[in-house]
Amino acid sequence: MNRKKLGSWGEEKAAEYLHSNGYDILDMNYSCRFGEIDIIARYDGYIVFTEVKLRKNSNFAEAREFVTRAKQERILTTAQFYLAQNETDLQPRFDVIEIYAAEGREGNIEIRHITDAFE
């Protein structure tokens, strides 16, 4: 399976996870000239901007480590643009969802949700 399809699958799994935990999914793959945000959701007074990282395992590094400072800055700028276009009284929060799938779509998966993940 190519990387783009596998990445989309991972984002769908993350959205299912969030939904099953009470999050209201507002948008997926939001894109503008500044960047992309995988999932935008509403939860408990927050608008949650979520980056999804899919890996086979964490042997080399935790998936969240691939959300570099530069990537965080692009997500923050993209979120600001989204908020300028979509007025809300919700507090913004930035999460990362790690998905580990050793056998890809066919095997067991592990999901780790890191809330308020940006420094």
PDB file of N, CA and C in Angstrom:
ATOM      1  N   MET A   1       0.846  -1.172   0.000  1.00  0.00           N
ATOM      2  CA  MET A   1       0.000   0.000   0.000  1.00  0.00           C
ATOM      3  C   MET A   1       0.894   1.238   0.000  1.00  0.00           C
ATOM      4  N   ASN A   2       0.502   2.224  -0.798  1.00  0.00           N
ATOM      5  CA  ASN A   2       1.352   3.411  -0.845  1.00  0.00           C
ATOM      6  C   ASN A   2       1.185   4.259   0.409  1.00  0.00           C
ATOM      7  N   ARG A   3       2.153   5.138   0.628  1.00  0.00           N
ATOM      8  CA  ARG A   3       2.210   5.927   1.865  1.00  0.00           C
ATOM      9  C   ARG A   3       1.001   6.841   2.036  1.00  0.00           C
ATOM     10  N   LYS A   4       0.538   7.430   0.927  1.00  0.00           N
ATOM     11  CA  LYS A   4      -0.599   8.355   1.023  1.00  0.00           C
ATOM     12  C   LYS A   4      -1.858   7.624   1.487  1.00  0.00           C
ATOM     13  N   LYS A   5      -2.121   6.451   0.926  1.00  0.00           N
ATOM     14  CA  LYS A   5      -3.292   5.673   1.344  1.00  0.00           C
ATOM     15  C   LYS A   5      -3.156   5.203   2.785  1.00  0.00           C
ATOM     16  N   LEU A   6      -1.961   4.781   3.164  1.00  0.00           N
ATOM     17  CA  LEU A   6      -1.735   4.341   4.538  1.00  0.00           C
ATOM     18  C   LEU A   6      -1.905   5.514   5.505  1.00  0.00           C
ATOM     19  N   GLY A   7      -1.403   6.690   5.115  1.00  0.00           N
ATOM     20  CA  GLY A   7      -1.572   7.881   5.942  1.00  0.00           C
ATOM     21  C   GLY A   7      -3.035   8.253   6.111  1.00  0.00           C
ATOM     22  N   SER A   8      -3.814   8.173   5.028  1.00  0.00           N
ATOM     23  CA  SER A   8      -5.252   8.450   5.104  1.00  0.00           C
ATOM     24  C   SER A   8      -5.949   7.449   6.008  1.00  0.00           C
ATOM     25  N   TRP A   9      -5.542   6.185   5.928  1.00  0.00           N
ATOM     26  CA  TRP A   9      -6.095   5.159   6.800  1.00  0.00           C
ATOM     27  C   TRP A   9      -5.812   5.492   8.263  1.00  0.00           C
ATOM     28  N   GLY A  10      -4.576   5.916   8.553  1.00  0.00           N
ATOM     29  CA  GLY A  10      -4.206   6.287   9.912  1.00  0.00           C
ATOM     30  C   GLY A  10      -5.027   7.467  10.422  1.00  0.00           C
ATOM     31  N   GLU A  11      -5.263   8.443   9.571  1.00  0.00           N
ATOM     32  CA  GLU A  11      -6.077   9.598   9.957  1.00  0.00           C
ATOM     33  C   GLU A  11      -7.517   9.181  10.237  1.00  0.00           C
ATOM     34  N   GLU A  12      -8.043   8.258   9.451  1.00  0.00           N
ATOM     35  CA  GLU A  12      -9.404   7.747   9.698  1.00  0.00           C
ATOM     36  C   GLU A  12      -9.475   7.020  11.040  1.00  0.00           C
ATOM     37  N   LYS A  13      -8.457   6.216  11.339  1.00  0.00           N
ATOM     38  CA  LYS A  13      -8.418   5.513  12.624  1.00  0.00           C
ATOM     39  C   LYS A  13      -8.349   6.514  13.782  1.00  0.00           C
ATOM     40  N   ALA A  14      -7.561   7.565  13.614  1.00  0.00           N
ATOM     41  CA  ALA A  14      -7.458   8.593  14.650  1.00  0.00           C
ATOM     42  C   ALA A  14      -8.801   9.301  14.834  1.00  0.00           C
ATOM     43  N   ALA A  15      -9.483   9.603  13.742  1.00  0.00           N
ATOM     44  CA  ALA A  15     -10.794  10.263  13.827  1.00  0.00           C
ATOM     45  C   ALA A  15     -11.802   9.351  14.518  1.00  0.00           C
ATOM     46  N   GLU A  16     -11.780   8.061  14.200  1.00  0.00           N
ATOM     47  CA  GLU A  16     -12.669   7.108  14.869  1.00  0.00           C
ATOM     48  C   GLU A  16     -12.379   7.068  16.370  1.00  0.00           C
ATOM     49  N   TYR A  17     -11.101   7.062  16.713  1.00  0.00           N
ATOM     50  CA  TYR A  17     -10.694   7.057  18.120  1.00  0.00           C
ATOM     51  C   TYR A  17     -11.224   8.305  18.827  1.00  0.00           C
ATOM     52  N   LEU A  18     -11.003   9.460  18.234  1.00  0.00           N
ATOM     53  CA  LEU A  18     -11.464  10.707  18.848  1.00  0.00           C
ATOM     54  C   LEU A  18     -12.981  10.709  19.000  1.00  0.00           C
ATOM     55  N   HIS A  19     -13.677  10.322  17.949  1.00  0.00           N
ATOM     56  CA  HIS A  19     -15.144  10.295  17.993  1.00  0.00           C
ATOM     57  C   HIS A  19     -15.641   9.372  19.108  1.00  0.00           C
ATOM     58  N   SER A  20     -15.007   8.215  19.237  1.00  0.00           N
ATOM     59  CA  SER A  20     -15.434   7.251  20.260  1.00  0.00           C
ATOM     60  C   SER A  20     -15.132   7.748  21.676  1.00  0.00           C
ATOM     61  N   ASN A  21     -14.271   8.770  21.769  1.00  0.00           N
ATOM     62  CA  ASN A  21     -13.941   9.352  23.068  1.00  0.00           C
ATOM     63  C   ASN A  21     -14.620  10.708  23.278  1.00  0.00           C
ATOM     64  N   GLY A  22     -15.684  10.963  22.530  1.00  0.00           N
ATOM     65  CA  GLY A  22     -16.504  12.147  22.766  1.00  0.00           C
ATOM     66  C   GLY A  22     -16.133  13.395  21.999  1.00  0.00           C
ATOM     67  N   TYR A  23     -15.203  13.313  21.091  1.00  0.00           N
ATOM     68  CA  TYR A  23     -14.819  14.465  20.282  1.00  0.00           C
ATOM     69  C   TYR A  23     -15.783  14.605  19.102  1.00  0.00           C
ATOM     70  N   ASP A  24     -16.110  15.839  18.767  1.00  0.00           N
ATOM     71  CA  ASP A  24     -16.930  16.146  17.598  1.00  0.00           C
ATOM     72  C   ASP A  24     -15.984  16.580  16.484  1.00  0.00           C
ATOM     73  N   ILE A  25     -15.874  15.776  15.437  1.00  0.00           N
ATOM     74  CA  ILE A  25     -14.955  16.068  14.336  1.00  0.00           C
ATOM     75  C   ILE A  25     -15.544  17.204  13.503  1.00  0.00           C
ATOM     76  N   LEU A  26     -14.804  18.296  13.384  1.00  0.00           N
ATOM     77  CA  LEU A  26     -15.252  19.454  12.618  1.00  0.00           C
ATOM     78  C   LEU A  26     -14.709  19.450  11.201  1.00  0.00           C
ATOM     79  N   ASP A  27     -13.472  18.997  11.043  1.00  0.00           N
ATOM     80  CA  ASP A  27     -12.838  19.025   9.723  1.00  0.00           C
ATOM     81  C   ASP A  27     -11.684  18.031   9.708  1.00  0.00           C
ATOM     82  N   MET A  28     -11.401  17.528   8.519  1.00  0.00           N
ATOM     83  CA  MET A  28     -10.244  16.649   8.336  1.00  0.00           C
ATOM     84  C   MET A  28      -9.453  17.137   7.132  1.00  0.00           C
ATOM     85  N   ASN A  29      -8.148  17.036   7.240  1.00  0.00           N
ATOM     86  CA  ASN A  29      -7.243  17.450   6.168  1.00  0.00           C
ATOM     87  C   ASN A  29      -7.490  18.888   5.739  1.00  0.00           C
ATOM     88  N   TYR A  30      -7.667  19.760   6.734  1.00  0.00           N
ATOM     89  CA  TYR A  30      -7.837  21.181   6.447  1.00  0.00           C
ATOM     90  C   TYR A  30      -6.523  21.706   5.888  1.00  0.00           C
ATOM     91  N   SER A  31      -6.621  22.422   4.783  1.00  0.00           N
ATOM     92  CA  SER A  31      -5.427  22.882   4.100  1.00  0.00           C
ATOM     93  C   SER A  31      -5.598  24.335   3.668  1.00  0.00           C
ATOM     94  N   CYS A  32      -4.526  25.088   3.802  1.00  0.00           N
ATOM     95  CA  CYS A  32      -4.474  26.452   3.295  1.00  0.00           C
ATOM     96  C   CYS A  32      -3.036  26.709   2.847  1.00  0.00           C
ATOM     97  N   ARG A  33      -2.751  27.927   2.463  1.00  0.00           N
ATOM     98  CA  ARG A  33      -1.413  28.218   1.943  1.00  0.00           C
ATOM     99  C   ARG A  33      -0.310  28.058   2.990  1.00  0.00           C
ATOM    100  N   PHE A  34      -0.675  28.016   4.267  1.00  0.00           N
ATOM    101  CA  PHE A  34       0.321  27.906   5.334  1.00  0.00           C
ATOM    102  C   PHE A  34       0.656  26.465   5.700  1.00  0.00           C
ATOM    103  N   GLY A  35      -0.270  25.546   5.424  1.00  0.00           N
ATOM    104  CA  GLY A  35      -0.016  24.155   5.773  1.00  0.00           C
ATOM    105  C   GLY A  35      -1.297  23.353   5.845  1.00  0.00           C
ATOM    106  N   GLU A  36      -1.212  22.221   6.543  1.00  0.00           N
ATOM    107  CA  GLU A  36      -2.355  21.311   6.668  1.00  0.00           C
ATOM    108  C   GLU A  36      -2.484  20.869   8.121  1.00  0.00           C
ATOM    109  N   ILE A  37      -3.726  20.657   8.522  1.00  0.00           N
ATOM    110  CA  ILE A  37      -4.015  20.086   9.831  1.00  0.00           C
ATOM    111  C   ILE A  37      -4.824  18.823   9.587  1.00  0.00           C
ATOM    112  N   ASP A  38      -4.378  17.716  10.171  1.00  0.00           N
ATOM    113  CA  ASP A  38      -5.008  16.426   9.903  1.00  0.00           C
ATOM    114  C   ASP A  38      -6.449  16.371  10.394  1.00  0.00           C
ATOM    115  N   ILE A  39      -6.680  16.735  11.662  1.00  0.00           N
ATOM    116  CA  ILE A  39      -8.032  16.659  12.240  1.00  0.00           C
ATOM    117  C   ILE A  39      -8.277  17.898  13.092  1.00  0.00           C
ATOM    118  N   ILE A  40      -9.450  18.473  12.926  1.00  0.00           N
ATOM    119  CA  ILE A  40      -9.895  19.571  13.789  1.00  0.00           C
ATOM    120  C   ILE A  40     -11.168  19.089  14.457  1.00  0.00           C
ATOM    121  N   ALA A  41     -11.198  19.157  15.784  1.00  0.00           N
ATOM    122  CA  ALA A  41     -12.328  18.630  16.541  1.00  0.00           C
ATOM    123  C   ALA A  41     -12.698  19.580  17.678  1.00  0.00           C
ATOM    124  N   ARG A  42     -13.899  19.380  18.211  1.00  0.00           N
ATOM    125  CA  ARG A  42     -14.369  20.127  19.376  1.00  0.00           C
ATOM    126  C   ARG A  42     -14.479  19.139  20.531  1.00  0.00           C
ATOM    127  N   TYR A  43     -13.975  19.573  21.704  1.00  0.00           N
ATOM    128  CA  TYR A  43     -14.056  18.704  22.880  1.00  0.00           C
ATOM    129  C   TYR A  43     -13.951  19.541  24.148  1.00  0.00           C
ATOM    130  N   ASP A  44     -14.945  19.464  24.987  1.00  0.00           N
ATOM    131  CA  ASP A  44     -14.897  19.999  26.347  1.00  0.00           C
ATOM    132  C   ASP A  44     -14.364  21.437  26.419  1.00  0.00           C
ATOM    133  N   GLY A  45     -14.912  22.320  25.592  1.00  0.00           N
ATOM    134  CA  GLY A  45     -14.507  23.721  25.611  1.00  0.00           C
ATOM    135  C   GLY A  45     -13.274  24.046  24.788  1.00  0.00           C
ATOM    136  N   TYR A  46     -12.737  23.066  24.071  1.00  0.00           N
ATOM    137  CA  TYR A  46     -11.544  23.260  23.246  1.00  0.00           C
ATOM    138  C   TYR A  46     -11.867  23.028  21.776  1.00  0.00           C
ATOM    139  N   ILE A  47     -11.146  23.739  20.929  1.00  0.00           N
ATOM    140  CA  ILE A  47     -11.046  23.359  19.535  1.00  0.00           C
ATOM    141  C   ILE A  47      -9.672  22.714  19.418  1.00  0.00           C
ATOM    142  N   VAL A  48      -9.656  21.462  19.041  1.00  0.00           N
ATOM    143  CA  VAL A  48      -8.446  20.646  19.097  1.00  0.00           C
ATOM    144  C   VAL A  48      -7.897  20.431  17.687  1.00  0.00           C
ATOM    145  N   PHE A  49      -6.687  20.922  17.470  1.00  0.00           N
ATOM    146  CA  PHE A  49      -5.978  20.747  16.207  1.00  0.00           C
ATOM    147  C   PHE A  49      -5.040  19.561  16.404  1.00  0.00           C
ATOM    148  N   THR A  50      -5.251  18.504  15.622  1.00  0.00           N
ATOM    149  CA  THR A  50      -4.560  17.238  15.864  1.00  0.00           C
ATOM    150  C   THR A  50      -3.689  16.834  14.686  1.00  0.00           C
ATOM    151  N   GLU A  51      -2.439  16.533  14.987  1.00  0.00           N
ATOM    152  CA  GLU A  51      -1.505  15.977  14.018  1.00  0.00           C
ATOM    153  C   GLU A  51      -1.446  14.477  14.253  1.00  0.00           C
ATOM    154  N   VAL A  52      -1.576  13.705  13.183  1.00  0.00           N
ATOM    155  CA  VAL A  52      -1.554  12.244  13.265  1.00  0.00           C
ATOM    156  C   VAL A  52      -0.234  11.746  12.690  1.00  0.00           C
ATOM    157  N   LYS A  53       0.440  10.882  13.447  1.00  0.00           N
ATOM    158  CA  LYS A  53       1.685  10.280  12.986  1.00  0.00           C
ATOM    159  C   LYS A  53       1.557   8.766  13.050  1.00  0.00           C
ATOM    160  N   LEU A  54       1.786   8.124  11.927  1.00  0.00           N
ATOM    161  CA  LEU A  54       1.672   6.670  11.791  1.00  0.00           C
ATOM    162  C   LEU A  54       3.063   6.084  11.574  1.00  0.00           C
ATOM    163  N   ARG A  55       3.385   5.076  12.350  1.00  0.00           N
ATOM    164  CA  ARG A  55       4.667   4.379  12.226  1.00  0.00           C
ATOM    165  C   ARG A  55       4.449   2.887  12.445  1.00  0.00           C
ATOM    166  N   LYS A  56       5.405   2.091  11.983  1.00  0.00           N
ATOM    167  CA  LYS A  56       5.347   0.653  12.228  1.00  0.00           C
ATOM    168  C   LYS A  56       5.623   0.345  13.683  1.00  0.00           C
ATOM    169  N   ASN A  57       6.601   1.054  14.263  1.00  0.00           N
ATOM    170  CA  ASN A  57       6.964   0.839  15.665  1.00  0.00           C
ATOM    171  C   ASN A  57       7.723   2.059  16.154  1.00  0.00           C
ATOM    172  N   SER A  58       8.122   2.009  17.412  1.00  0.00           N
ATOM    173  CA  SER A  58       8.859   3.139  17.988  1.00  0.00           C
ATOM    174  C   SER A  58      10.328   2.793  18.218  1.00  0.00           C
ATOM    175  N   ASN A  59      10.841   1.795  17.506  1.00  0.00           N
ATOM    176  CA  ASN A  59      12.229   1.372  17.699  1.00  0.00           C
ATOM    177  C   ASN A  59      13.217   2.501  17.410  1.00  0.00           C
ATOM    178  N   PHE A  60      12.976   3.257  16.343  1.00  0.00           N
ATOM    179  CA  PHE A  60      13.880   4.350  15.967  1.00  0.00           C
ATOM    180  C   PHE A  60      13.607   5.587  16.807  1.00  0.00           C
ATOM    181  N   ALA A  61      12.329   5.940  16.932  1.00  0.00           N
ATOM    182  CA  ALA A  61      11.918   7.124  17.704  1.00  0.00           C
ATOM    183  C   ALA A  61      10.411   7.070  17.888  1.00  0.00           C
ATOM    184  N   GLU A  62       9.938   7.758  18.908  1.00  0.00           N
ATOM    185  CA  GLU A  62       8.495   7.887  19.108  1.00  0.00           C
ATOM    186  C   GLU A  62       7.925   8.694  17.938  1.00  0.00           C
ATOM    187  N   ALA A  63       6.721   8.359  17.513  1.00  0.00           N
ATOM    188  CA  ALA A  63       6.108   9.046  16.382  1.00  0.00           C
ATOM    189  C   ALA A  63       6.013  10.547  16.618  1.00  0.00           C
ATOM    190  N   ARG A  64       5.724  10.947  17.857  1.00  0.00           N
ATOM    191  CA  ARG A  64       5.576  12.385  18.166  1.00  0.00           C
ATOM    192  C   ARG A  64       6.852  13.173  17.911  1.00  0.00           C
ATOM    193  N   GLU A  65       7.997  12.489  17.931  1.00  0.00           N
ATOM    194  CA  GLU A  65       9.262  13.179  17.697  1.00  0.00           C
ATOM    195  C   GLU A  65       9.391  13.685  16.263  1.00  0.00           C
ATOM    196  N   PHE A  66       8.551  13.189  15.375  1.00  0.00           N
ATOM    197  CA  PHE A  66       8.558  13.637  13.991  1.00  0.00           C
ATOM    198  C   PHE A  66       7.718  14.901  13.795  1.00  0.00           C
ATOM    199  N   VAL A  67       7.090  15.371  14.865  1.00  0.00           N
ATOM    200  CA  VAL A  67       6.399  16.662  14.830  1.00  0.00           C
ATOM    201  C   VAL A  67       7.417  17.682  15.321  1.00  0.00           C
ATOM    202  N   THR A  68       8.259  18.099  14.397  1.00  0.00           N
ATOM    203  CA  THR A  68       9.372  18.992  14.719  1.00  0.00           C
ATOM    204  C   THR A  68       8.871  20.386  15.082  1.00  0.00           C
ATOM    205  N   ARG A  69       9.772  21.186  15.592  1.00  0.00           N
ATOM    206  CA  ARG A  69       9.420  22.579  15.924  1.00  0.00           C
ATOM    207  C   ARG A  69       8.923  23.314  14.681  1.00  0.00           C
ATOM    208  N   ALA A  70       9.563  23.081  13.540  1.00  0.00           N
ATOM    209  CA  ALA A  70       9.133  23.725  12.290  1.00  0.00           C
ATOM    210  C   ALA A  70       7.719  23.276  11.917  1.00  0.00           C
ATOM    211  N   LYS A  71       7.442  21.990  12.081  1.00  0.00           N
ATOM    212  CA  LYS A  71       6.099  21.463  11.795  1.00  0.00           C
ATOM    213  C   LYS A  71       5.082  22.084  12.750  1.00  0.00           C
ATOM    214  N   GLN A  72       5.437  22.205  14.016  1.00  0.00           N
ATOM    215  CA  GLN A  72       4.547  22.832  14.993  1.00  0.00           C
ATOM    216  C   GLN A  72       4.230  24.270  14.586  1.00  0.00           C
ATOM    217  N   GLU A  73       5.229  25.005  14.136  1.00  0.00           N
ATOM    218  CA  GLU A  73       5.018  26.393  13.712  1.00  0.00           C
ATOM    219  C   GLU A  73       4.058  26.467  12.525  1.00  0.00           C
ATOM    220  N   ARG A  74       4.199  25.550  11.562  1.00  0.00           N
ATOM    221  CA  ARG A  74       3.270  25.523  10.415  1.00  0.00           C
ATOM    222  C   ARG A  74       1.852  25.218  10.871  1.00  0.00           C
ATOM    223  N   ILE A  75       1.712  24.280  11.804  1.00  0.00           N
ATOM    224  CA  ILE A  75       0.384  23.935  12.319  1.00  0.00           C
ATOM    225  C   ILE A  75      -0.219  25.118  13.078  1.00  0.00           C
ATOM    226  N   LEU A  76       0.585  25.800  13.895  1.00  0.00           N
ATOM    227  CA  LEU A  76       0.100  26.964  14.639  1.00  0.00           C
ATOM    228  C   LEU A  76      -0.386  28.058  13.684  1.00  0.00           C
ATOM    229  N   THR A  77       0.380  28.336  12.646  1.00  0.00           N
ATOM    230  CA  THR A  77      -0.002  29.361  11.670  1.00  0.00           C
ATOM    231  C   THR A  77      -1.259  28.950  10.922  1.00  0.00           C
ATOM    232  N   THR A  78      -1.344  27.696  10.544  1.00  0.00           N
ATOM    233  CA  THR A  78      -2.531  27.182   9.853  1.00  0.00           C
ATOM    234  C   THR A  78      -3.742  27.264  10.762  1.00  0.00           C
ATOM    235  N   ALA A  79      -3.576  26.945  12.041  1.00  0.00           N
ATOM    236  CA  ALA A  79      -4.677  27.035  13.003  1.00  0.00           C
ATOM    237  C   ALA A  79      -5.146  28.479  13.159  1.00  0.00           C
ATOM    238  N   GLN A  80      -4.210  29.419  13.205  1.00  0.00           N
ATOM    239  CA  GLN A  80      -4.580  30.833  13.298  1.00  0.00           C
ATOM    240  C   GLN A  80      -5.418  31.246  12.090  1.00  0.00           C
ATOM    241  N   PHE A  81      -5.027  30.786  10.920  1.00  0.00           N
ATOM    242  CA  PHE A  81      -5.784  31.098   9.702  1.00  0.00           C
ATOM    243  C   PHE A  81      -7.182  30.483   9.783  1.00  0.00           C
ATOM    244  N   TYR A  82      -7.260  29.222  10.238  1.00  0.00           N
ATOM    245  CA  TYR A  82      -8.552  28.556  10.390  1.00  0.00           C
ATOM    246  C   TYR A  82      -9.446  29.339  11.354  1.00  0.00           C
ATOM    247  N   LEU A  83      -8.882  29.763  12.467  1.00  0.00           N
ATOM    248  CA  LEU A  83      -9.663  30.494  13.466  1.00  0.00           C
ATOM    249  C   LEU A  83     -10.117  31.854  12.945  1.00  0.00           C
ATOM    250  N   ALA A  84      -9.321  32.476  12.102  1.00  0.00           N
ATOM    251  CA  ALA A  84      -9.722  33.748  11.502  1.00  0.00           C
ATOM    252  C   ALA A  84     -10.899  33.552  10.547  1.00  0.00           C
ATOM    253  N   GLN A  85     -10.969  32.378   9.925  1.00  0.00           N
ATOM    254  CA  GLN A  85     -12.044  32.067   8.979  1.00  0.00           C
ATOM    255  C   GLN A  85     -13.278  31.466   9.653  1.00  0.00           C
ATOM    256  N   ASN A  86     -13.109  30.904  10.834  1.00  0.00           N
ATOM    257  CA  ASN A  86     -14.175  30.192  11.542  1.00  0.00           C
ATOM    258  C   ASN A  86     -14.226  30.678  12.986  1.00  0.00           C
ATOM    259  N   GLU A  87     -15.000  31.696  13.219  1.00  0.00           N
ATOM    260  CA  GLU A  87     -15.071  32.293  14.549  1.00  0.00           C
ATOM    261  C   GLU A  87     -15.582  31.278  15.578  1.00  0.00           C
ATOM    262  N   THR A  88     -14.935  31.258  16.729  1.00  0.00           N
ATOM    263  CA  THR A  88     -15.329  30.352  17.803  1.00  0.00           C
ATOM    264  C   THR A  88     -14.923  30.939  19.142  1.00  0.00           C
ATOM    265  N   ASP A  89     -15.608  30.538  20.179  1.00  0.00           N
ATOM    266  CA  ASP A  89     -15.217  30.957  21.525  1.00  0.00           C
ATOM    267  C   ASP A  89     -14.464  29.837  22.252  1.00  0.00           C
ATOM    268  N   LEU A  90     -14.140  28.778  21.526  1.00  0.00           N
ATOM    269  CA  LEU A  90     -13.419  27.648  22.111  1.00  0.00           C
ATOM    270  C   LEU A  90     -11.931  27.969  22.259  1.00  0.00           C
ATOM    271  N   GLN A  91     -11.315  27.407  23.275  1.00  0.00           N
ATOM    272  CA  GLN A  91      -9.884  27.562  23.521  1.00  0.00           C
ATOM    273  C   GLN A  91      -9.118  26.601  22.606  1.00  0.00           C
ATOM    274  N   PRO A  92      -8.115  27.066  21.853  1.00  0.00           N
ATOM    275  CA  PRO A  92      -7.363  26.145  20.999  1.00  0.00           C
ATOM    276  C   PRO A  92      -6.423  25.241  21.801  1.00  0.00           C
ATOM    277  N   ARG A  93      -6.266  24.027  21.313  1.00  0.00           N
ATOM    278  CA  ARG A  93      -5.348  23.054  21.910  1.00  0.00           C
ATOM    279  C   ARG A  93      -4.732  22.256  20.766  1.00  0.00           C
ATOM    280  N   PHE A  94      -3.507  21.827  20.965  1.00  0.00           N
ATOM    281  CA  PHE A  94      -2.780  21.112  19.922  1.00  0.00           C
ATOM    282  C   PHE A  94      -2.368  19.742  20.438  1.00  0.00           C
ATOM    283  N   ASP A  95      -2.897  18.708  19.799  1.00  0.00           N
ATOM    284  CA  ASP A  95      -2.659  17.322  20.198  1.00  0.00           C
ATOM    285  C   ASP A  95      -1.901  16.577  19.109  1.00  0.00           C
ATOM    286  N   VAL A  96      -1.311  15.469  19.502  1.00  0.00           N
ATOM    287  CA  VAL A  96      -0.692  14.535  18.556  1.00  0.00           C
ATOM    288  C   VAL A  96      -1.267  13.163  18.847  1.00  0.00           C
ATOM    289  N   ILE A  97      -1.633  12.466  17.793  1.00  0.00           N
ATOM    290  CA  ILE A  97      -2.042  11.065  17.929  1.00  0.00           C
ATOM    291  C   ILE A  97      -1.006  10.215  17.215  1.00  0.00           C
ATOM    292  N   GLU A  98      -0.406   9.313  17.978  1.00  0.00           N
ATOM    293  CA  GLU A  98       0.544   8.350  17.426  1.00  0.00           C
ATOM    294  C   GLU A  98      -0.216   7.057  17.143  1.00  0.00           C
ATOM    295  N   ILE A  99       0.001   6.525  15.959  1.00  0.00           N
ATOM    296  CA  ILE A  99      -0.576   5.227  15.617  1.00  0.00           C
ATOM    297  C   ILE A  99       0.571   4.310  15.218  1.00  0.00           C
ATOM    298  N   TYR A 100       0.648   3.185  15.915  1.00  0.00           N
ATOM    299  CA  TYR A 100       1.659   2.175  15.602  1.00  0.00           C
ATOM    300  C   TYR A 100       0.950   0.968  15.010  1.00  0.00           C
ATOM    301  N   ALA A 101       1.356   0.618  13.788  1.00  0.00           N
ATOM    302  CA  ALA A 101       0.739  -0.496  13.070  1.00  0.00           C
ATOM    303  C   ALA A 101       1.855  -1.303  12.404  1.00  0.00           C
ATOM    304  N   ALA A 102       2.346  -2.302  13.094  1.00  0.00           N
ATOM    305  CA  ALA A 102       3.492  -3.082  12.618  1.00  0.00           C
ATOM    306  C   ALA A 102       3.209  -3.775  11.286  1.00  0.00           C
ATOM    307  N   GLU A 103       1.998  -4.261  11.118  1.00  0.00           N
ATOM    308  CA  GLU A 103       1.651  -4.965   9.881  1.00  0.00           C
ATOM    309  C   GLU A 103       0.778  -4.107   8.977  1.00  0.00           C
ATOM    310  N   GLY A 104       0.795  -2.815   9.159  1.00  0.00           N
ATOM    311  CA  GLY A 104      -0.052  -1.939   8.356  1.00  0.00           C
ATOM    312  C   GLY A 104      -1.509  -2.128   8.722  1.00  0.00           C
ATOM    313  N   ARG A 105      -2.372  -2.108   7.754  1.00  0.00           N
ATOM    314  CA  ARG A 105      -3.811  -2.169   7.983  1.00  0.00           C
ATOM    315  C   ARG A 105      -4.289  -3.540   8.441  1.00  0.00           C
ATOM    316  N   GLU A 106      -3.483  -4.556   8.267  1.00  0.00           N
ATOM    317  CA  GLU A 106      -3.934  -5.916   8.531  1.00  0.00           C
ATOM    318  C   GLU A 106      -3.780  -6.359   9.990  1.00  0.00           C
ATOM    319  N   GLY A 107      -2.891  -5.737  10.723  1.00  0.00           N
ATOM    320  CA  GLY A 107      -2.602  -6.213  12.071  1.00  0.00           C
ATOM    321  C   GLY A 107      -3.200  -5.356  13.163  1.00  0.00           C
ATOM    322  N   ASN A 108      -2.767  -5.651  14.372  1.00  0.00           N
ATOM    323  CA  ASN A 108      -3.195  -4.863  15.523  1.00  0.00           C
ATOM    324  C   ASN A 108      -2.575  -3.479  15.460  1.00  0.00           C
ATOM    325  N   ILE A 109      -3.303  -2.510  15.985  1.00  0.00           N
ATOM    326  CA  ILE A 109      -2.756  -1.161  16.047  1.00  0.00           C
ATOM    327  C   ILE A 109      -2.782  -0.673  17.491  1.00  0.00           C
ATOM    328  N   GLU A 110      -1.859   0.234  17.777  1.00  0.00           N
ATOM    329  CA  GLU A 110      -1.816   0.883  19.087  1.00  0.00           C
ATOM    330  C   GLU A 110      -1.968   2.376  18.845  1.00  0.00           C
ATOM    331  N   ILE A 111      -2.855   3.012  19.588  1.00  0.00           N
ATOM    332  CA  ILE A 111      -3.086   4.449  19.465  1.00  0.00           C
ATOM    333  C   ILE A 111      -2.689   5.114  20.776  1.00  0.00           C
ATOM    334  N   ARG A 112      -1.875   6.153  20.663  1.00  0.00           N
ATOM    335  CA  ARG A 112      -1.485   6.964  21.821  1.00  0.00           C
ATOM    336  C   ARG A 112      -1.896   8.403  21.535  1.00  0.00           C
ATOM    337  N   HIS A 113      -2.626   8.992  22.452  1.00  0.00           N
ATOM    338  CA  HIS A 113      -3.124  10.357  22.295  1.00  0.00           C
ATOM    339  C   HIS A 113      -2.393  11.262  23.271  1.00  0.00           C
ATOM    340  N   ILE A 114      -1.631  12.198  22.737  1.00  0.00           N
ATOM    341  CA  ILE A 114      -0.900  13.154  23.565  1.00  0.00           C
ATOM    342  C   ILE A 114      -1.657  14.485  23.495  1.00  0.00           C
ATOM    343  N   THR A 115      -2.272  14.869  24.608  1.00  0.00           N
ATOM    344  CA  THR A 115      -3.015  16.125  24.638  1.00  0.00           C
ATOM    345  C   THR A 115      -2.065  17.277  24.954  1.00  0.00           C
ATOM    346  N   ASP A 116      -2.394  18.437  24.416  1.00  0.00           N
ATOM    347  CA  ASP A 116      -1.602  19.644  24.653  1.00  0.00           C
ATOM    348  C   ASP A 116      -0.128  19.355  24.397  1.00  0.00           C
ATOM    349  N   ALA A 117       0.158  18.824  23.204  1.00  0.00           N
ATOM    350  CA  ALA A 117       1.467  18.264  22.898  1.00  0.00           C
ATOM    351  C   ALA A 117       2.538  19.289  22.541  1.00  0.00           C
ATOM    352  N   PHE A 118       2.136  20.491  22.156  1.00  0.00           N
ATOM    353  CA  PHE A 118       3.133  21.471  21.733  1.00  0.00           C
ATOM    354  C   PHE A 118       3.657  22.232  22.941  1.00  0.00           C
ATOM    355  N   GLU A 119       4.931  22.563  22.898  1.00  0.00           N
ATOM    356  CA  GLU A 119       5.583  23.289  23.992  1.00  0.00           C
ATOM    357  C   GLU A 119       5.130  24.722  24.052  1.00  0.00           C
TER     358      GLU A 119
END
